[in-house]
Amino acid sequence: MKKISLFTDAFLIFTLALLFSLVSCVENSLPAKMTIDTEKDRAAYGNEIKITPMNDSVTVTKNEITFAPEHEGEIYYISGYFKGQLISKTKNTVLRFDNAYIEYDRGKAAVKCSAKTEISAAPNSVNYIVSRGRSFSKNAALQGKRGITLGGSGSLYIVGGVCHGLEADDVKIKGSGNFYIQGESKGSAISCGSLEVDPDKSFNCYLINSKNGIKAEGTIKIASGNFYLYNNKTALRTEISKKTSAKARAIMLSGGIFHTFENQRLYITNDGAYNGAGATFIED
């Protein structure tokens, strides 16, 4: 009887060890829920903001910095910390963040663009655009009345604590940087009229912890890039056309790599308006 007991105990220990090993393997194969800690590195950015060039086209008040160059294509280099709102007013202005931390806690956008603007992350830089606070509007951390382009080779965290992460009429993504974008459970990481990514782009774009990863009123056209769609209710979504609407609404993925994890739905769009034949999907 003693030998049988020892054998049974050893078998039980072996079984439990094997089960624990299998569970550990499964857990280690899954990505942890990605969260953005906006306070972790806040102190590293100091308490002052530096803008180059600093000339008559830049107006500074206590809570606002406005960029209104006379000509298109002006590039401003921004570093350091500012608590308030950056406003871009001239078409094709480039705001190049070089280790900058911009936050606004009054329920509005931390960066607001009334004209087409490029938001660029300088090489080897880590940057934050953060909004929080109470609001009766569905505001975003980065808000564009016209078009917003994300570019550069650094890292950019866009965190919308009011509703959306990024909101603009038209959104384009280029460059080779890392873009982390998060909205709220009632908003989207990216909310736009349309989103387009051209071929041969090599960025990483993380769209996380939101009601929608990308929500477009019109079309989502992606031909390249690496997308990580984690913990969203719907990963990719367009509005659904009404019978009286002639506006095209579709999701067209002719390229790109899409990592998905714990999204309730991959996509919502018009019947027959989804084509993902050119994309690569990886379930993380």
C-alpha atoms as a PDB file:
ATOM      1  CA  MET A   1       0.000   0.000   0.000  1.00  0.00           C
ATOM      2  CA  LYS A   2       2.866   2.367   0.719  1.00  0.00           C
ATOM      3  CA  LYS A   3       4.369   1.868  -2.773  1.00  0.00           C
ATOM      4  CA  ILE A   4       1.044   2.615  -4.440  1.00  0.00           C
ATOM      5  CA  SER A   5       0.710   5.812  -2.364  1.00  0.00           C
ATOM      6  CA  LEU A   6       4.191   6.979  -3.324  1.00  0.00           C
ATOM      7  CA  PHE A   7       3.506   6.256  -6.999  1.00  0.00           C
ATOM      8  CA  THR A   8       0.181   8.113  -6.817  1.00  0.00           C
ATOM      9  CA  ASP A   9       1.787  11.124  -5.107  1.00  0.00           C
ATOM     10  CA  ALA A  10       4.603  11.254  -7.650  1.00  0.00           C
ATOM     11  CA  PHE A  11       2.148  10.994 -10.543  1.00  0.00           C
ATOM     12  CA  LEU A  12       0.027  13.772  -9.045  1.00  0.00           C
ATOM     13  CA  ILE A  13       3.051  16.047  -8.621  1.00  0.00           C
ATOM     14  CA  PHE A  14       4.168  15.335 -12.208  1.00  0.00           C
ATOM     15  CA  THR A  15       0.667  16.057 -13.541  1.00  0.00           C
ATOM     16  CA  LEU A  16       0.386  19.334 -11.654  1.00  0.00           C
ATOM     17  CA  ALA A  17       3.843  20.409 -12.797  1.00  0.00           C
ATOM     18  CA  LEU A  18       2.977  19.609 -16.406  1.00  0.00           C
ATOM     19  CA  LEU A  19      -0.320  21.483 -16.153  1.00  0.00           C
ATOM     20  CA  PHE A  20       1.409  24.517 -14.617  1.00  0.00           C
ATOM     21  CA  SER A  21       4.001  24.433 -17.392  1.00  0.00           C
ATOM     22  CA  LEU A  22       1.323  24.346 -20.093  1.00  0.00           C
ATOM     23  CA  VAL A  23      -0.595  27.218 -18.488  1.00  0.00           C
ATOM     24  CA  SER A  24       2.618  29.247 -18.206  1.00  0.00           C
ATOM     25  CA  CYS A  25       3.390  28.637 -21.876  1.00  0.00           C
ATOM     26  CA  VAL A  26      -0.077  29.808 -22.896  1.00  0.00           C
ATOM     27  CA  GLU A  27       0.161  32.905 -20.698  1.00  0.00           C
ATOM     28  CA  ASN A  28       3.626  33.762 -21.985  1.00  0.00           C
ATOM     29  CA  SER A  29       2.464  33.439 -25.594  1.00  0.00           C
ATOM     30  CA  LEU A  30      -0.172  36.137 -25.146  1.00  0.00           C
ATOM     31  CA  PRO A  31       0.669  39.848 -24.947  1.00  0.00           C
ATOM     32  CA  ALA A  32      -0.152  41.583 -21.708  1.00  0.00           C
ATOM     33  CA  LYS A  33      -2.904  44.162 -21.990  1.00  0.00           C
ATOM     34  CA  MET A  34      -1.079  47.185 -23.271  1.00  0.00           C
ATOM     35  CA  THR A  35      -1.580  50.340 -21.240  1.00  0.00           C
ATOM     36  CA  ILE A  36       0.071  53.734 -21.527  1.00  0.00           C
ATOM     37  CA  ASP A  37       1.371  55.210 -18.289  1.00  0.00           C
ATOM     38  CA  THR A  38       1.327  58.940 -18.981  1.00  0.00           C
ATOM     39  CA  GLU A  39       2.794  59.817 -15.575  1.00  0.00           C
ATOM     40  CA  LYS A  40       5.735  57.411 -15.451  1.00  0.00           C
ATOM     41  CA  ASP A  41       8.273  59.571 -17.301  1.00  0.00           C
ATOM     42  CA  ARG A  42       6.601  62.955 -16.924  1.00  0.00           C
ATOM     43  CA  ALA A  43       9.349  64.448 -14.697  1.00  0.00           C
ATOM     44  CA  ALA A  44      12.029  63.789 -17.318  1.00  0.00           C
ATOM     45  CA  TYR A  45      10.594  66.553 -19.545  1.00  0.00           C
ATOM     46  CA  GLY A  46      11.109  69.374 -17.051  1.00  0.00           C
ATOM     47  CA  ASN A  47       8.751  72.345 -16.729  1.00  0.00           C
ATOM     48  CA  GLU A  48       9.586  74.464 -19.753  1.00  0.00           C
ATOM     49  CA  ILE A  49       8.947  74.241 -23.468  1.00  0.00           C
ATOM     50  CA  LYS A  50      11.463  75.115 -26.177  1.00  0.00           C
ATOM     51  CA  ILE A  51      10.363  76.088 -29.704  1.00  0.00           C
ATOM     52  CA  THR A  52      12.642  76.655 -32.695  1.00  0.00           C
ATOM     53  CA  PRO A  53      12.273  78.986 -34.526  1.00  0.00           C
ATOM     54  CA  MET A  54      10.787  81.280 -31.923  1.00  0.00           C
ATOM     55  CA  ASN A  55       9.666  84.304 -33.945  1.00  0.00           C
ATOM     56  CA  ASP A  56       6.654  86.531 -34.648  1.00  0.00           C
ATOM     57  CA  SER A  57       4.720  83.578 -36.105  1.00  0.00           C
ATOM     58  CA  VAL A  58       4.511  82.026 -32.632  1.00  0.00           C
ATOM     59  CA  THR A  59       2.184  83.520 -30.025  1.00  0.00           C
ATOM     60  CA  VAL A  60       2.483  82.371 -26.412  1.00  0.00           C
ATOM     61  CA  THR A  61      -0.017  82.873 -23.605  1.00  0.00           C
ATOM     62  CA  LYS A  62      -0.384  81.063 -20.306  1.00  0.00           C
ATOM     63  CA  ASN A  63      -2.459  78.180 -21.702  1.00  0.00           C
ATOM     64  CA  GLU A  64      -1.968  78.446 -25.486  1.00  0.00           C
ATOM     65  CA  ILE A  65       0.820  78.472 -28.033  1.00  0.00           C
ATOM     66  CA  THR A  66      -0.316  79.381 -31.558  1.00  0.00           C
ATOM     67  CA  PHE A  67       1.664  78.690 -34.734  1.00  0.00           C
ATOM     68  CA  ALA A  68       0.579  80.939 -37.627  1.00  0.00           C
ATOM     69  CA  PRO A  69       3.437  81.269 -40.139  1.00  0.00           C
ATOM     70  CA  GLU A  70       2.924  83.495 -43.161  1.00  0.00           C
ATOM     71  CA  HIS A  71       3.904  80.735 -45.596  1.00  0.00           C
ATOM     72  CA  GLU A  72       3.122  77.031 -45.852  1.00  0.00           C
ATOM     73  CA  GLY A  73       5.651  74.342 -44.980  1.00  0.00           C
ATOM     74  CA  GLU A  74       7.201  75.977 -41.903  1.00  0.00           C
ATOM     75  CA  ILE A  75       8.821  73.459 -39.549  1.00  0.00           C
ATOM     76  CA  TYR A  76       8.827  74.020 -35.797  1.00  0.00           C
ATOM     77  CA  TYR A  77      10.960  71.936 -33.432  1.00  0.00           C
ATOM     78  CA  ILE A  78       9.322  71.430 -30.049  1.00  0.00           C
ATOM     79  CA  SER A  79      10.870  69.959 -26.915  1.00  0.00           C
ATOM     80  CA  GLY A  80      10.225  70.024 -23.184  1.00  0.00           C
ATOM     81  CA  TYR A  81       6.943  70.302 -21.286  1.00  0.00           C
ATOM     82  CA  PHE A  82       3.843  72.432 -21.752  1.00  0.00           C
ATOM     83  CA  LYS A  83       0.537  72.260 -19.906  1.00  0.00           C
ATOM     84  CA  GLY A  84      -1.957  73.807 -22.259  1.00  0.00           C
ATOM     85  CA  GLN A  85      -2.932  73.709 -25.911  1.00  0.00           C
ATOM     86  CA  LEU A  86      -0.831  73.964 -29.068  1.00  0.00           C
ATOM     87  CA  ILE A  87      -2.725  75.460 -32.035  1.00  0.00           C
ATOM     88  CA  SER A  88      -1.632  75.178 -35.675  1.00  0.00           C
ATOM     89  CA  LYS A  89      -3.322  77.646 -38.069  1.00  0.00           C
ATOM     90  CA  THR A  90      -1.380  77.529 -41.352  1.00  0.00           C
ATOM     91  CA  LYS A  91      -1.690  74.831 -44.000  1.00  0.00           C
ATOM     92  CA  ASN A  92       1.151  72.265 -44.232  1.00  0.00           C
ATOM     93  CA  THR A  93       2.843  73.370 -41.032  1.00  0.00           C
ATOM     94  CA  VAL A  94       5.068  70.687 -39.481  1.00  0.00           C
ATOM     95  CA  LEU A  95       5.249  70.335 -35.693  1.00  0.00           C
ATOM     96  CA  ARG A  96       8.321  68.181 -35.071  1.00  0.00           C
ATOM     97  CA  PHE A  97       8.356  66.871 -31.519  1.00  0.00           C
ATOM     98  CA  ASP A  98      11.802  66.180 -30.121  1.00  0.00           C
ATOM     99  CA  ASN A  99      11.264  64.797 -26.607  1.00  0.00           C
ATOM    100  CA  ALA A 100       8.162  66.877 -25.915  1.00  0.00           C
ATOM    101  CA  TYR A 101       5.318  66.343 -23.461  1.00  0.00           C
ATOM    102  CA  ILE A 102       2.111  68.313 -24.140  1.00  0.00           C
ATOM    103  CA  GLU A 103      -0.880  67.827 -21.878  1.00  0.00           C
ATOM    104  CA  TYR A 104      -4.186  69.619 -21.372  1.00  0.00           C
ATOM    105  CA  ASP A 105      -6.545  68.847 -18.499  1.00  0.00           C
ATOM    106  CA  ARG A 106      -9.541  71.010 -19.410  1.00  0.00           C
ATOM    107  CA  GLY A 107     -11.425  68.484 -21.516  1.00  0.00           C
ATOM    108  CA  LYS A 108     -10.107  69.783 -24.843  1.00  0.00           C
ATOM    109  CA  ALA A 109      -7.401  68.858 -27.343  1.00  0.00           C
ATOM    110  CA  ALA A 110      -3.767  69.199 -26.284  1.00  0.00           C
ATOM    111  CA  VAL A 111      -2.867  69.837 -29.951  1.00  0.00           C
ATOM    112  CA  LYS A 112      -5.493  71.459 -32.191  1.00  0.00           C
ATOM    113  CA  CYS A 113      -4.963  72.029 -35.919  1.00  0.00           C
ATOM    114  CA  SER A 114      -7.366  74.238 -37.866  1.00  0.00           C
ATOM    115  CA  ALA A 115      -5.384  73.598 -41.082  1.00  0.00           C
ATOM    116  CA  LYS A 116      -3.641  70.544 -42.545  1.00  0.00           C
ATOM    117  CA  THR A 117      -0.679  69.748 -40.268  1.00  0.00           C
ATOM    118  CA  GLU A 118       2.036  67.132 -39.967  1.00  0.00           C
ATOM    119  CA  ILE A 119       2.879  65.850 -36.497  1.00  0.00           C
ATOM    120  CA  SER A 120       6.369  64.363 -36.648  1.00  0.00           C
ATOM    121  CA  ALA A 121       8.420  62.481 -34.044  1.00  0.00           C
ATOM    122  CA  ALA A 122      12.122  63.331 -34.344  1.00  0.00           C
ATOM    123  CA  PRO A 123      14.653  60.451 -34.492  1.00  0.00           C
ATOM    124  CA  ASN A 124      15.302  58.712 -31.152  1.00  0.00           C
ATOM    125  CA  SER A 125      12.741  60.904 -29.365  1.00  0.00           C
ATOM    126  CA  VAL A 126       9.825  59.939 -27.107  1.00  0.00           C
ATOM    127  CA  ASN A 127       6.850  62.289 -27.115  1.00  0.00           C
ATOM    128  CA  TYR A 128       3.430  62.601 -25.486  1.00  0.00           C
ATOM    129  CA  ILE A 129       0.205  64.335 -26.482  1.00  0.00           C
ATOM    130  CA  VAL A 130      -2.289  63.849 -23.639  1.00  0.00           C
ATOM    131  CA  SER A 131      -5.763  65.201 -22.922  1.00  0.00           C
ATOM    132  CA  ARG A 132      -7.903  64.629 -19.872  1.00  0.00           C
ATOM    133  CA  GLY A 133     -10.601  66.337 -17.841  1.00  0.00           C
ATOM    134  CA  ARG A 134     -14.366  66.725 -18.167  1.00  0.00           C
ATOM    135  CA  SER A 135     -16.053  67.748 -21.409  1.00  0.00           C
ATOM    136  CA  PHE A 136     -19.518  67.720 -22.960  1.00  0.00           C
ATOM    137  CA  SER A 137     -17.955  67.288 -26.419  1.00  0.00           C
ATOM    138  CA  LYS A 138     -16.307  64.265 -28.007  1.00  0.00           C
ATOM    139  CA  ASN A 139     -12.859  65.844 -28.079  1.00  0.00           C
ATOM    140  CA  ALA A 140      -9.547  64.212 -28.945  1.00  0.00           C
ATOM    141  CA  ALA A 141      -6.002  64.643 -27.645  1.00  0.00           C
ATOM    142  CA  LEU A 142      -4.842  65.472 -31.199  1.00  0.00           C
ATOM    143  CA  GLN A 143      -7.572  67.198 -33.174  1.00  0.00           C
ATOM    144  CA  GLY A 144      -7.504  68.376 -36.783  1.00  0.00           C
ATOM    145  CA  LYS A 145     -10.267  70.272 -38.544  1.00  0.00           C
ATOM    146  CA  ARG A 146      -8.707  69.291 -41.891  1.00  0.00           C
ATOM    147  CA  GLY A 147      -5.985  66.697 -42.353  1.00  0.00           C
ATOM    148  CA  ILE A 148      -3.428  65.244 -39.946  1.00  0.00           C
ATOM    149  CA  THR A 149      -0.309  63.347 -41.037  1.00  0.00           C
ATOM    150  CA  LEU A 150       1.718  61.320 -38.550  1.00  0.00           C
ATOM    151  CA  GLY A 151       5.375  60.968 -39.495  1.00  0.00           C
ATOM    152  CA  GLY A 152       8.948  60.735 -38.302  1.00  0.00           C
ATOM    153  CA  SER A 153      11.093  57.942 -36.908  1.00  0.00           C
ATOM    154  CA  GLY A 154      10.721  58.546 -33.168  1.00  0.00           C
ATOM    155  CA  SER A 155       7.974  57.483 -30.756  1.00  0.00           C
ATOM    156  CA  LEU A 156       4.709  59.334 -30.191  1.00  0.00           C
ATOM    157  CA  TYR A 157       2.088  58.557 -27.547  1.00  0.00           C
ATOM    158  CA  ILE A 158      -1.353  60.079 -28.178  1.00  0.00           C
ATOM    159  CA  VAL A 159      -3.723  59.537 -25.254  1.00  0.00           C
ATOM    160  CA  GLY A 160      -7.274  60.848 -25.365  1.00  0.00           C
ATOM    161  CA  GLY A 161      -8.646  60.818 -21.842  1.00  0.00           C
ATOM    162  CA  VAL A 162     -11.839  62.618 -22.893  1.00  0.00           C
ATOM    163  CA  CYS A 163     -12.996  60.591 -25.927  1.00  0.00           C
ATOM    164  CA  HIS A 164     -10.777  60.009 -28.992  1.00  0.00           C
ATOM    165  CA  GLY A 165      -7.029  59.750 -29.327  1.00  0.00           C
ATOM    166  CA  LEU A 166      -6.728  61.366 -32.783  1.00  0.00           C
ATOM    167  CA  GLU A 167      -9.582  63.003 -34.670  1.00  0.00           C
ATOM    168  CA  ALA A 168      -9.354  64.646 -38.100  1.00  0.00           C
ATOM    169  CA  ASP A 169     -11.098  64.885 -41.449  1.00  0.00           C
ATOM    170  CA  ASP A 170      -8.357  62.942 -43.213  1.00  0.00           C
ATOM    171  CA  VAL A 171      -5.551  60.982 -41.582  1.00  0.00           C
ATOM    172  CA  LYS A 172      -2.330  59.740 -43.181  1.00  0.00           C
ATOM    173  CA  ILE A 173       0.490  57.789 -41.580  1.00  0.00           C
ATOM    174  CA  LYS A 174       4.031  57.631 -42.903  1.00  0.00           C
ATOM    175  CA  GLY A 175       7.612  57.450 -41.668  1.00  0.00           C
ATOM    176  CA  SER A 176       9.230  54.652 -39.675  1.00  0.00           C
ATOM    177  CA  GLY A 177       8.286  55.627 -36.137  1.00  0.00           C
ATOM    178  CA  ASN A 178       6.232  54.074 -33.373  1.00  0.00           C
ATOM    179  CA  PHE A 179       2.784  55.579 -32.837  1.00  0.00           C
ATOM    180  CA  TYR A 180       0.777  54.579 -29.753  1.00  0.00           C
ATOM    181  CA  ILE A 181      -2.803  55.865 -29.872  1.00  0.00           C
ATOM    182  CA  GLN A 182      -5.499  55.338 -27.266  1.00  0.00           C
ATOM    183  CA  GLY A 183      -9.001  56.709 -26.862  1.00  0.00           C
ATOM    184  CA  GLU A 184     -11.660  55.974 -24.275  1.00  0.00           C
ATOM    185  CA  SER A 185     -14.168  53.113 -24.082  1.00  0.00           C
ATOM    186  CA  LYS A 186     -16.735  55.454 -25.680  1.00  0.00           C
ATOM    187  CA  GLY A 187     -14.350  56.788 -28.335  1.00  0.00           C
ATOM    188  CA  SER A 188     -11.855  55.686 -30.972  1.00  0.00           C
ATOM    189  CA  ALA A 189      -8.096  55.557 -31.075  1.00  0.00           C
ATOM    190  CA  ILE A 190      -8.455  57.218 -34.506  1.00  0.00           C
ATOM    191  CA  SER A 191     -11.712  58.881 -35.560  1.00  0.00           C
ATOM    192  CA  CYS A 192     -11.651  60.327 -39.070  1.00  0.00           C
ATOM    193  CA  GLY A 193     -13.400  61.017 -42.343  1.00  0.00           C
ATOM    194  CA  SER A 194     -10.911  58.779 -44.119  1.00  0.00           C
ATOM    195  CA  LEU A 195      -7.586  57.098 -43.364  1.00  0.00           C
ATOM    196  CA  GLU A 196      -4.952  56.288 -45.961  1.00  0.00           C
ATOM    197  CA  VAL A 197      -1.533  54.633 -45.850  1.00  0.00           C
ATOM    198  CA  ASP A 198       0.533  54.484 -49.041  1.00  0.00           C
ATOM    199  CA  PRO A 199       2.736  51.497 -50.024  1.00  0.00           C
ATOM    200  CA  ASP A 200       6.258  50.941 -48.638  1.00  0.00           C
ATOM    201  CA  LYS A 201       5.757  52.476 -45.181  1.00  0.00           C
ATOM    202  CA  SER A 202       7.441  50.734 -42.228  1.00  0.00           C
ATOM    203  CA  PHE A 203       5.987  52.350 -39.095  1.00  0.00           C
ATOM    204  CA  ASN A 204       4.426  50.584 -36.092  1.00  0.00           C
ATOM    205  CA  CYS A 205       0.985  51.849 -35.084  1.00  0.00           C
ATOM    206  CA  TYR A 206      -0.642  50.626 -31.856  1.00  0.00           C
ATOM    207  CA  LEU A 207      -4.406  51.292 -31.640  1.00  0.00           C
ATOM    208  CA  ILE A 208      -5.491  50.155 -28.219  1.00  0.00           C
ATOM    209  CA  ASN A 209      -8.092  50.043 -25.439  1.00  0.00           C
ATOM    210  CA  SER A 210     -10.822  51.963 -27.286  1.00  0.00           C
ATOM    211  CA  LYS A 211     -14.337  51.421 -28.556  1.00  0.00           C
ATOM    212  CA  ASN A 212     -12.889  51.437 -32.089  1.00  0.00           C
ATOM    213  CA  GLY A 213      -9.301  51.088 -33.238  1.00  0.00           C
ATOM    214  CA  ILE A 214      -9.975  53.072 -36.428  1.00  0.00           C
ATOM    215  CA  LYS A 215     -13.390  54.542 -37.178  1.00  0.00           C
ATOM    216  CA  ALA A 216     -13.872  56.342 -40.509  1.00  0.00           C
ATOM    217  CA  GLU A 217     -16.954  58.033 -41.861  1.00  0.00           C
ATOM    218  CA  GLY A 218     -15.799  57.113 -45.364  1.00  0.00           C
ATOM    219  CA  THR A 219     -12.956  54.780 -46.287  1.00  0.00           C
ATOM    220  CA  ILE A 220      -9.998  53.037 -44.690  1.00  0.00           C
ATOM    221  CA  LYS A 221      -7.265  52.362 -47.277  1.00  0.00           C
ATOM    222  CA  ILE A 222      -4.086  50.705 -46.033  1.00  0.00           C
ATOM    223  CA  ALA A 223      -1.288  49.453 -48.306  1.00  0.00           C
ATOM    224  CA  SER A 224       1.584  49.000 -45.799  1.00  0.00           C
ATOM    225  CA  GLY A 225       2.682  49.453 -42.190  1.00  0.00           C
ATOM    226  CA  ASN A 226       2.503  47.360 -39.029  1.00  0.00           C
ATOM    227  CA  PHE A 227      -0.690  47.737 -37.021  1.00  0.00           C
ATOM    228  CA  TYR A 228      -1.347  46.383 -33.533  1.00  0.00           C
ATOM    229  CA  LEU A 229      -5.068  46.330 -32.781  1.00  0.00           C
ATOM    230  CA  TYR A 230      -5.429  45.398 -29.116  1.00  0.00           C
ATOM    231  CA  ASN A 231      -8.381  45.386 -26.738  1.00  0.00           C
ATOM    232  CA  ASN A 232     -10.871  47.311 -28.861  1.00  0.00           C
ATOM    233  CA  LYS A 233     -14.572  46.600 -29.187  1.00  0.00           C
ATOM    234  CA  THR A 234     -14.202  46.869 -32.994  1.00  0.00           C
ATOM    235  CA  ALA A 235     -10.773  47.009 -34.639  1.00  0.00           C
ATOM    236  CA  LEU A 236     -11.719  48.618 -37.990  1.00  0.00           C
ATOM    237  CA  ARG A 237     -15.000  50.384 -38.638  1.00  0.00           C
ATOM    238  CA  THR A 238     -16.695  52.655 -41.149  1.00  0.00           C
ATOM    239  CA  GLU A 239     -20.118  54.206 -41.029  1.00  0.00           C
ATOM    240  CA  ILE A 240     -22.846  52.169 -42.668  1.00  0.00           C
ATOM    241  CA  SER A 241     -24.336  53.836 -45.753  1.00  0.00           C
ATOM    242  CA  LYS A 242     -28.010  54.691 -45.645  1.00  0.00           C
ATOM    243  CA  LYS A 243     -30.190  54.073 -48.687  1.00  0.00           C
ATOM    244  CA  THR A 244     -30.261  57.795 -49.408  1.00  0.00           C
ATOM    245  CA  SER A 245     -26.466  58.176 -49.153  1.00  0.00           C
ATOM    246  CA  ALA A 246     -24.264  57.816 -52.218  1.00  0.00           C
ATOM    247  CA  LYS A 247     -21.006  58.215 -50.282  1.00  0.00           C
ATOM    248  CA  ALA A 248     -18.594  55.307 -50.658  1.00  0.00           C
ATOM    249  CA  ARG A 249     -17.714  53.551 -47.424  1.00  0.00           C
ATOM    250  CA  ALA A 250     -15.296  50.648 -47.439  1.00  0.00           C
ATOM    251  CA  ILE A 251     -12.300  48.979 -45.799  1.00  0.00           C
ATOM    252  CA  MET A 252      -9.577  48.163 -48.338  1.00  0.00           C
ATOM    253  CA  LEU A 253      -6.417  46.473 -47.072  1.00  0.00           C
ATOM    254  CA  SER A 254      -4.061  45.924 -50.007  1.00  0.00           C
ATOM    255  CA  GLY A 255      -1.032  45.473 -47.741  1.00  0.00           C
ATOM    256  CA  GLY A 256       0.176  45.841 -44.174  1.00  0.00           C
ATOM    257  CA  ILE A 257       0.573  43.493 -41.213  1.00  0.00           C
ATOM    258  CA  PHE A 258      -2.205  43.472 -38.622  1.00  0.00           C
ATOM    259  CA  HIS A 259      -1.601  42.033 -35.156  1.00  0.00           C
ATOM    260  CA  THR A 260      -4.891  41.474 -33.338  1.00  0.00           C
ATOM    261  CA  PHE A 261      -5.604  40.623 -29.709  1.00  0.00           C
ATOM    262  CA  GLU A 262      -8.866  40.625 -27.738  1.00  0.00           C
ATOM    263  CA  ASN A 263     -10.962  42.707 -30.137  1.00  0.00           C
ATOM    264  CA  GLN A 264     -14.639  41.777 -30.004  1.00  0.00           C
ATOM    265  CA  ARG A 265     -14.971  42.293 -33.784  1.00  0.00           C
ATOM    266  CA  LEU A 266     -12.403  42.697 -36.530  1.00  0.00           C
ATOM    267  CA  TYR A 267     -14.468  45.037 -38.710  1.00  0.00           C
ATOM    268  CA  ILE A 268     -17.806  46.680 -39.435  1.00  0.00           C
ATOM    269  CA  THR A 269     -18.583  48.238 -42.821  1.00  0.00           C
ATOM    270  CA  ASN A 270     -21.092  48.064 -45.685  1.00  0.00           C
ATOM    271  CA  ASP A 271     -22.043  44.629 -46.991  1.00  0.00           C
ATOM    272  CA  GLY A 272     -19.447  43.559 -49.530  1.00  0.00           C
ATOM    273  CA  ALA A 273     -17.271  46.612 -48.808  1.00  0.00           C
ATOM    274  CA  TYR A 274     -14.489  44.789 -46.947  1.00  0.00           C
ATOM    275  CA  ASN A 275     -11.418  43.528 -48.815  1.00  0.00           C
ATOM    276  CA  GLY A 276      -8.473  42.306 -46.761  1.00  0.00           C
ATOM    277  CA  ALA A 277      -6.925  40.051 -49.378  1.00  0.00           C
ATOM    278  CA  GLY A 278      -3.598  41.912 -49.473  1.00  0.00           C
ATOM    279  CA  ALA A 279      -3.090  42.125 -45.712  1.00  0.00           C
ATOM    280  CA  THR A 280      -1.380  39.730 -43.314  1.00  0.00           C
ATOM    281  CA  PHE A 281      -3.204  38.998 -40.046  1.00  0.00           C
ATOM    282  CA  ILE A 282      -1.494  37.642 -36.936  1.00  0.00           C
ATOM    283  CA  GLU A 283      -3.431  36.696 -33.809  1.00  0.00           C
ATOM    284  CA  ASP A 284      -1.108  37.594 -30.914  1.00  0.00           C
END
